[in-house]
Protein backbone atom coordinates (compact mmCIF):
# COMPACT_ATOMS: atom_id res chain seq x y z
CA MET A 1 13.37 -13.44 -95.62
CA PRO A 2 16.82 -13.13 -94.00
CA GLN A 3 17.09 -10.40 -91.39
CA GLY A 4 20.58 -9.22 -92.32
CA ASP A 5 23.63 -10.01 -94.47
CA HIS A 6 23.87 -13.50 -93.02
CA GLY A 7 24.93 -15.16 -96.24
CA LEU A 8 27.82 -12.77 -96.75
CA ALA A 9 31.23 -12.77 -95.10
CA PRO A 10 31.46 -10.09 -92.39
CA PRO A 11 33.99 -7.28 -92.92
CA PRO A 12 37.55 -7.96 -91.73
CA GLN A 13 38.38 -7.77 -88.05
CA GLU A 14 41.59 -6.54 -86.48
CA LEU A 15 43.13 -8.94 -83.94
CA ARG A 16 45.36 -7.73 -81.11
CA PHE A 17 46.73 -8.92 -77.79
CA CYS A 18 47.23 -7.17 -74.45
CA ARG A 19 48.32 -8.28 -70.99
CA SER A 20 46.07 -8.22 -67.97
CA SER A 21 47.35 -7.10 -64.57
CA ASP A 22 48.65 -10.60 -63.74
CA GLY A 23 50.44 -11.02 -67.07
CA VAL A 24 47.84 -13.21 -68.80
CA ARG A 25 47.60 -12.38 -72.50
CA ILE A 26 44.10 -11.48 -73.62
CA ALA A 27 43.15 -11.60 -77.30
CA TYR A 28 40.73 -8.97 -78.54
CA ALA A 29 39.30 -7.93 -81.89
CA ARG A 30 37.86 -4.78 -83.40
CA HIS A 31 35.53 -4.45 -86.37
CA GLY A 32 32.73 -2.28 -87.69
CA SER A 33 32.10 1.46 -87.62
CA GLY A 34 30.21 3.82 -85.36
CA PRO A 35 30.23 4.48 -81.61
CA PRO A 36 32.43 2.10 -79.59
CA LEU A 37 30.77 -0.97 -78.11
CA VAL A 38 32.78 -3.28 -75.85
CA ILE A 39 31.36 -6.79 -75.46
CA ALA A 40 32.17 -8.57 -72.21
CA THR A 41 32.37 -12.04 -73.60
CA CYS A 42 30.20 -15.03 -72.87
CA TRP A 43 31.35 -18.44 -71.65
CA LEU A 44 32.36 -19.81 -75.06
CA SER A 45 34.17 -17.70 -77.63
CA HIS A 46 36.96 -17.99 -80.14
CA LEU A 47 37.61 -14.74 -82.01
CA GLN A 48 38.80 -16.47 -85.17
CA TYR A 49 36.44 -19.44 -85.17
CA ASP A 50 33.36 -17.33 -84.40
CA TRP A 51 34.03 -15.21 -87.49
CA GLN A 52 32.79 -17.92 -89.90
CA SER A 53 30.04 -19.17 -87.62
CA PRO A 54 26.47 -19.99 -88.74
CA VAL A 55 25.52 -19.20 -85.12
CA TRP A 56 27.40 -15.93 -84.53
CA ARG A 57 27.91 -14.47 -88.03
CA HIS A 58 24.74 -12.37 -88.00
CA PHE A 59 25.63 -11.03 -84.56
CA LEU A 60 29.07 -9.86 -85.69
CA SER A 61 27.96 -8.53 -89.07
CA ASP A 62 24.86 -6.67 -87.92
CA LEU A 63 26.45 -5.12 -84.83
CA GLY A 64 29.40 -4.02 -86.96
CA GLU A 65 26.99 -1.99 -89.06
CA ILE A 66 25.93 0.15 -86.10
CA ALA A 67 29.01 0.22 -83.84
CA THR A 68 32.76 -0.20 -83.63
CA VAL A 69 32.72 -3.55 -81.85
CA VAL A 70 35.53 -4.54 -79.48
CA ARG A 71 35.23 -8.10 -78.17
CA TYR A 72 37.68 -10.43 -76.49
CA ASP A 73 38.29 -14.06 -75.57
CA GLU A 74 38.17 -14.64 -71.85
CA ARG A 75 41.28 -15.86 -70.09
CA GLY A 76 41.69 -19.58 -70.65
CA HIS A 77 39.53 -19.47 -73.80
CA GLY A 78 39.91 -18.98 -77.53
CA LEU A 79 43.04 -17.11 -78.57
CA SER A 80 43.79 -15.82 -75.05
CA ASP A 81 46.28 -17.63 -72.82
CA TRP A 82 45.09 -21.08 -71.70
CA ASP A 83 47.69 -21.56 -68.95
CA VAL A 84 45.65 -19.74 -66.31
CA ASP A 85 45.04 -20.37 -62.61
CA ASP A 86 42.87 -17.41 -61.64
CA TYR A 87 39.37 -17.13 -63.10
CA GLY A 88 38.05 -15.03 -60.23
CA LEU A 89 35.97 -11.88 -60.52
CA GLU A 90 38.87 -9.49 -59.85
CA ALA A 91 40.94 -11.06 -62.62
CA ARG A 92 38.02 -10.79 -65.06
CA ILE A 93 37.50 -7.11 -64.18
CA ALA A 94 41.20 -6.52 -64.79
CA ASP A 95 40.85 -8.15 -68.21
CA ILE A 96 38.18 -5.62 -69.23
CA GLU A 97 40.42 -2.81 -67.96
CA ALA A 98 43.35 -4.13 -70.00
CA VAL A 99 41.35 -4.50 -73.20
CA VAL A 100 39.73 -1.05 -73.17
CA ASP A 101 43.00 0.65 -72.22
CA ASP A 102 44.94 -1.13 -74.95
CA ALA A 103 42.19 -0.31 -77.46
CA GLY A 104 42.43 3.37 -76.46
CA LEU A 105 38.78 3.71 -75.45
CA ASP A 106 37.95 6.54 -73.07
CA HIS A 107 34.14 6.49 -73.28
CA PHE A 108 32.12 3.56 -74.59
CA ALA A 109 29.01 1.42 -74.31
CA LEU A 110 29.47 -1.91 -72.55
CA MET A 111 27.46 -5.01 -73.44
CA ALA A 112 27.45 -7.82 -70.87
CA MET A 113 26.63 -11.10 -72.55
CA SER A 114 25.60 -14.07 -70.45
CA GLN A 115 28.34 -14.70 -67.85
CA GLY A 116 29.84 -11.28 -68.61
CA GLY A 117 27.35 -9.65 -66.24
CA PRO A 118 29.24 -9.61 -62.93
CA PRO A 119 32.58 -8.24 -64.21
CA SER A 120 30.76 -5.67 -66.35
CA ILE A 121 28.68 -4.45 -63.43
CA ALA A 122 31.74 -4.17 -61.21
CA TYR A 123 33.71 -2.38 -63.94
CA ALA A 124 30.88 0.12 -64.53
CA VAL A 125 30.68 0.91 -60.81
CA ARG A 126 34.45 1.44 -60.58
CA HIS A 127 34.72 3.47 -63.79
CA PRO A 128 31.40 5.27 -64.23
CA GLU A 129 33.03 8.12 -66.15
CA ARG A 130 34.00 5.73 -68.96
CA ILE A 131 30.61 4.05 -69.46
CA SER A 132 28.19 5.82 -71.79
CA ARG A 133 25.50 3.13 -71.53
CA LEU A 134 25.02 -0.49 -70.51
CA ILE A 135 23.43 -3.42 -72.34
CA PHE A 136 22.73 -6.80 -70.75
CA TYR A 137 22.02 -9.71 -73.09
CA GLY A 138 20.86 -12.96 -71.48
CA SER A 139 22.89 -12.05 -68.42
CA TYR A 140 22.73 -11.80 -64.63
CA ALA A 141 24.31 -10.26 -61.50
CA ALA A 142 24.76 -13.59 -59.70
CA ALA A 143 24.84 -17.03 -61.31
CA PHE A 144 23.58 -18.85 -58.23
CA ARG A 145 21.18 -16.47 -56.54
CA ASP A 146 19.11 -18.51 -54.07
CA PRO A 147 19.72 -21.91 -55.72
CA THR A 148 17.29 -24.73 -55.02
CA PRO A 149 18.42 -28.30 -54.23
CA ASP A 150 17.46 -29.22 -57.80
CA ASP A 151 19.67 -26.39 -59.12
CA LEU A 152 22.63 -27.68 -57.14
CA GLU A 153 22.09 -31.27 -58.27
CA LEU A 154 21.80 -30.19 -61.91
CA ASP A 155 25.01 -28.23 -61.56
CA ARG A 156 26.82 -31.33 -60.32
CA VAL A 157 25.52 -33.27 -63.31
CA PHE A 158 26.80 -30.59 -65.69
CA GLU A 159 30.26 -30.70 -64.10
CA GLN A 160 30.36 -34.45 -64.53
CA LEU A 161 29.39 -34.12 -68.19
CA ILE A 162 32.27 -31.70 -68.73
CA LYS A 163 34.73 -34.04 -67.02
CA VAL A 164 33.64 -37.11 -68.95
CA GLY A 165 32.72 -35.84 -72.38
CA TRP A 166 34.11 -32.41 -73.19
CA ALA A 167 37.26 -33.52 -75.02
CA ARG A 168 35.79 -36.60 -76.74
CA PRO A 169 35.75 -36.60 -80.54
CA ASP A 170 32.12 -37.73 -80.31
CA SER A 171 30.02 -34.65 -79.56
CA ALA A 172 27.22 -36.51 -77.74
CA PHE A 173 28.10 -35.04 -74.33
CA ARG A 174 28.67 -31.53 -75.65
CA ARG A 175 25.33 -31.70 -77.48
CA VAL A 176 23.61 -31.50 -74.09
CA PHE A 177 24.92 -27.94 -73.66
CA THR A 178 24.27 -27.11 -77.32
CA SER A 179 20.63 -28.19 -77.01
CA MET A 180 20.20 -25.90 -74.04
CA MET A 181 21.84 -22.91 -75.73
CA ILE A 182 20.16 -23.10 -79.14
CA PRO A 183 17.23 -25.56 -79.03
CA GLY A 184 15.70 -23.91 -82.09
CA ALA A 185 18.81 -24.28 -84.27
CA THR A 186 19.37 -26.30 -87.41
CA GLU A 187 21.55 -29.40 -87.30
CA GLU A 188 24.36 -27.44 -89.02
CA GLN A 189 24.24 -24.76 -86.34
CA MET A 190 24.17 -27.34 -83.55
CA ARG A 191 27.17 -29.19 -85.00
CA TRP A 192 29.07 -25.92 -85.16
CA LEU A 193 28.36 -25.13 -81.50
CA ASP A 194 29.30 -28.69 -80.54
CA GLU A 195 32.69 -28.09 -82.13
CA LEU A 196 33.08 -24.58 -80.69
CA GLN A 197 32.98 -26.05 -77.20
CA ARG A 198 35.91 -28.33 -78.03
CA VAL A 199 38.09 -25.71 -79.75
CA ALA A 200 37.27 -22.76 -77.48
CA VAL A 201 38.33 -24.23 -74.14
CA SER A 202 39.79 -27.35 -72.54
CA ALA A 203 37.74 -29.46 -70.14
CA GLU A 204 40.04 -28.41 -67.30
CA ASN A 205 39.62 -24.71 -68.05
CA ALA A 206 35.89 -25.07 -68.58
CA LEU A 207 35.53 -26.61 -65.13
CA ALA A 208 37.85 -24.18 -63.36
CA SER A 209 36.28 -21.07 -64.89
CA ARG A 210 32.76 -22.36 -64.31
CA ARG A 211 33.41 -22.99 -60.62
CA GLN A 212 34.76 -19.50 -60.03
CA ARG A 213 31.99 -17.85 -62.04
CA LYS A 214 29.45 -19.42 -59.71
CA ARG A 215 30.97 -17.47 -56.83
CA ALA A 216 30.59 -14.08 -58.52
CA ASP A 217 27.79 -12.09 -56.92
CA VAL A 218 27.52 -8.34 -57.52
CA VAL A 219 23.85 -7.89 -56.65
CA ASP A 220 24.74 -5.29 -54.02
CA LEU A 221 26.36 -3.11 -56.71
CA LEU A 222 23.30 -2.83 -58.94
CA PRO A 223 21.80 0.28 -57.25
CA GLN A 224 25.10 2.10 -57.90
CA LEU A 225 24.80 1.85 -61.69
CA SER A 226 23.90 5.20 -63.23
CA ALA A 227 24.36 4.78 -66.99
CA PRO A 228 21.35 4.35 -69.30
CA THR A 229 20.65 0.62 -69.32
CA LEU A 230 18.96 -1.76 -71.75
CA VAL A 231 18.26 -5.35 -70.67
CA LEU A 232 17.40 -8.02 -73.29
CA HIS A 233 16.64 -11.67 -72.60
CA SER A 234 14.94 -14.58 -74.37
CA ARG A 235 11.72 -15.44 -72.60
CA HIS A 236 12.37 -19.21 -72.69
CA ASP A 237 16.16 -19.17 -72.28
CA ARG A 238 17.29 -22.53 -70.86
CA MET A 239 20.83 -21.47 -69.95
CA ASN A 240 20.12 -18.33 -67.93
CA ASP A 241 16.66 -17.85 -66.54
CA PHE A 242 14.62 -14.91 -67.81
CA GLN A 243 13.96 -13.95 -64.20
CA ASP A 244 17.64 -13.01 -63.87
CA SER A 245 17.14 -10.18 -66.34
CA ARG A 246 13.84 -9.20 -64.79
CA PHE A 247 15.71 -8.86 -61.51
CA LEU A 248 18.48 -6.82 -63.17
CA ALA A 249 16.02 -4.38 -64.69
CA SER A 250 14.18 -3.98 -61.39
CA MET A 251 17.39 -3.17 -59.49
CA ILE A 252 18.98 -0.68 -61.91
CA ALA A 253 17.45 2.80 -61.89
CA GLY A 254 15.81 3.63 -65.22
CA ALA A 255 16.67 0.30 -66.85
CA ARG A 256 14.38 -0.94 -69.60
CA LEU A 257 13.61 -4.64 -70.07
CA VAL A 258 13.01 -6.05 -73.56
CA VAL A 259 11.58 -9.55 -73.86
CA LEU A 260 12.85 -11.54 -76.83
CA GLU A 261 10.32 -14.14 -77.91
CA SER A 262 12.75 -17.01 -78.31
CA SER A 263 13.90 -20.20 -76.61
CA ASN A 264 17.49 -19.67 -77.76
CA HIS A 265 20.13 -18.34 -75.41
CA ILE A 266 21.89 -17.12 -78.56
CA VAL A 267 19.14 -15.56 -80.68
CA LEU A 268 19.64 -16.77 -84.24
CA GLY A 269 19.69 -14.59 -87.33
CA ASP A 270 16.49 -15.92 -88.94
CA GLU A 271 14.34 -15.44 -85.82
CA PRO A 272 11.98 -12.45 -85.55
CA ALA A 273 13.53 -11.92 -82.11
CA TRP A 274 16.84 -10.97 -83.74
CA GLN A 275 15.23 -8.08 -85.58
CA VAL A 276 13.67 -6.98 -82.29
CA PHE A 277 17.16 -7.07 -80.75
CA LEU A 278 18.55 -4.86 -83.52
CA ASP A 279 15.60 -2.48 -83.43
CA GLU A 280 16.27 -1.91 -79.73
CA VAL A 281 20.07 -1.84 -79.72
CA ALA A 282 20.62 0.34 -82.82
CA PRO A 283 18.75 3.45 -81.59
CA PHE A 284 20.05 2.89 -78.05
CA LEU A 285 23.65 3.09 -79.31
CA ALA A 286 22.87 5.86 -81.81
CA ALA A 287 22.82 8.35 -78.95
CA ASP A 288 26.59 7.84 -78.63
CA ARG A 289 27.24 8.66 -82.26
CA LYS A 290 29.09 11.91 -82.79
CA PRO A 291 26.99 14.12 -85.05
CA THR A 292 28.52 14.74 -88.46
CA GLU A 293 28.34 18.32 -89.66
CA PRO A 294 26.31 18.45 -92.87
CA ALA A 295 28.96 20.53 -94.59
CA ALA A 296 29.49 20.13 -98.32
CA GLY A 297 32.93 18.65 -97.68
CA VAL A 298 31.62 15.49 -95.97
CA ASP A 299 32.23 12.55 -98.30
CA ALA A 300 29.51 9.91 -98.03
CA THR A 301 31.84 7.22 -99.37
CA SER A 302 34.29 7.82 -96.53
CA VAL A 303 31.86 7.67 -93.60
CA LEU A 304 29.33 5.04 -94.68
CA SER A 305 29.79 1.27 -94.40
CA PRO A 306 29.83 -0.82 -97.62
CA ARG A 307 26.29 -2.05 -96.97
CA GLU A 308 25.01 1.48 -96.25
CA LEU A 309 26.53 2.58 -99.57
CA ASP A 310 24.85 -0.32 -101.37
CA VAL A 311 21.47 0.75 -99.97
CA LEU A 312 22.05 4.42 -100.77
CA ARG A 313 23.14 3.67 -104.34
CA LEU A 314 19.93 1.74 -104.98
CA ALA A 315 17.96 4.59 -103.42
CA ALA A 316 19.72 6.90 -105.87
CA GLU A 317 18.34 4.72 -108.68
CA GLY A 318 14.85 5.55 -107.48
CA LYS A 319 14.12 2.21 -105.82
CA ASP A 320 11.83 2.15 -102.80
CA ASN A 321 12.71 0.30 -99.60
CA ALA A 322 10.92 -2.89 -100.60
CA SER A 323 12.78 -3.03 -103.91
CA ILE A 324 16.11 -2.34 -102.20
CA ALA A 325 15.40 -5.12 -99.72
CA LYS A 326 14.64 -7.57 -102.53
CA SER A 327 17.78 -6.60 -104.47
CA LEU A 328 20.09 -7.06 -101.47
CA THR A 329 18.23 -10.01 -99.88
CA LEU A 330 17.50 -8.01 -96.74
CA SER A 331 14.36 -7.29 -94.77
CA VAL A 332 12.64 -3.94 -95.27
CA ARG A 333 13.32 -3.14 -91.61
CA THR A 334 17.03 -3.75 -92.13
CA VAL A 335 17.01 -1.38 -95.12
CA GLU A 336 15.26 1.23 -92.99
CA ARG A 337 17.91 0.79 -90.29
CA HIS A 338 20.74 1.27 -92.82
CA LEU A 339 19.10 4.44 -94.11
CA HIS A 340 18.62 5.75 -90.57
CA ASN A 341 22.32 5.13 -89.85
CA THR A 342 23.21 6.89 -93.12
CA TYR A 343 21.23 10.00 -92.21
CA THR A 344 22.82 10.08 -88.75
CA LYS A 345 26.36 9.77 -90.10
CA LEU A 346 25.77 12.50 -92.68
CA GLY A 347 24.13 14.82 -90.17
CA ILE A 348 20.89 14.88 -92.17
CA GLN A 349 17.38 14.91 -90.77
CA GLY A 350 13.83 15.73 -91.71
CA LYS A 351 11.49 14.71 -94.53
CA ALA A 352 14.10 15.49 -97.17
CA ALA A 353 16.78 13.31 -95.59
CA ARG A 354 16.61 10.64 -98.31
CA ALA A 355 17.00 13.13 -101.13
CA ALA A 356 19.77 14.97 -99.31
CA ALA A 357 21.70 11.74 -98.70
CA VAL A 358 21.38 10.73 -102.35
CA ALA A 359 22.55 14.17 -103.40
CA ARG A 360 25.56 13.87 -101.11
CA LEU A 361 26.44 10.55 -102.74
CA MET A 362 26.00 11.86 -106.29
CA THR A 363 28.38 14.77 -105.69
CA ARG A 364 31.15 12.25 -104.96
CA THR A 365 30.51 9.80 -107.80
């Protein structure tokens, strides 16, 4: 059974642009509802193209149900400026600063995805008062920590593949990277990621950004992180080694490591590991949610997402969670998560929460 609304179009996103400290325009997007979550982007992203993706759609849709998601295209990628010379760590930190300032965020959770680790760690150390909590997803503090000769040789091979095959209409060369990122994907998903590589970044920018990312090393900053931290990583990730996250969790005080039983760098929506991801991230972010006073004036239809309202309306018809799941083509655990979010938003708790939430809905319909 699907683990979310993966067959449905995600809710609309709001696209904006801001300028980093060196004048580079950075594209960012906002969607969803709930506590703010800033995503420090991974290597490949395109805010518009990702929106219809069979690889990313579940990620955007499901996270938007539990948080107000702010994500951006890195400099030289996607809808951000491509005419860029500086891909260094300081420039990437400045990009995060520009995005959160332009978005008007004073206090937020920060999710470092993949290569987003180093700038996120540095930002959190410089601005601890603005970080409510940290999430690392398939990430690291240093891309090349103690590389072996084989690691260095493999890196040279990858660079040559980018030079020779990145821009070719034939995706054979790009498929090498796709097969490493999502080895468990369908052919449709692999074709989409093949194409994302071509539309998200030029070969020249891919090479330049990759070379400067390899120099980023913020291992020494890890003991300075003080925010609650959740670290998630696929056990058999072929892009970033699981040991990178094990190291992160061991170096950050109080950090918790969650192993995702997957071989995909990008955990796909129909994998059990994706539900594990949501079951960990949703309650972790829920602590940032501002409690809603359970006063009679709170309108359920104004604070709940469309999917939460769908679930609550079926609950009002007397359906149990299994029946609701079948009606909406969701998993039972996803229905439970929507109900939990509903109770939190309405400021309701206890054994009578379901009845109280239904009553709140009925008074407004």
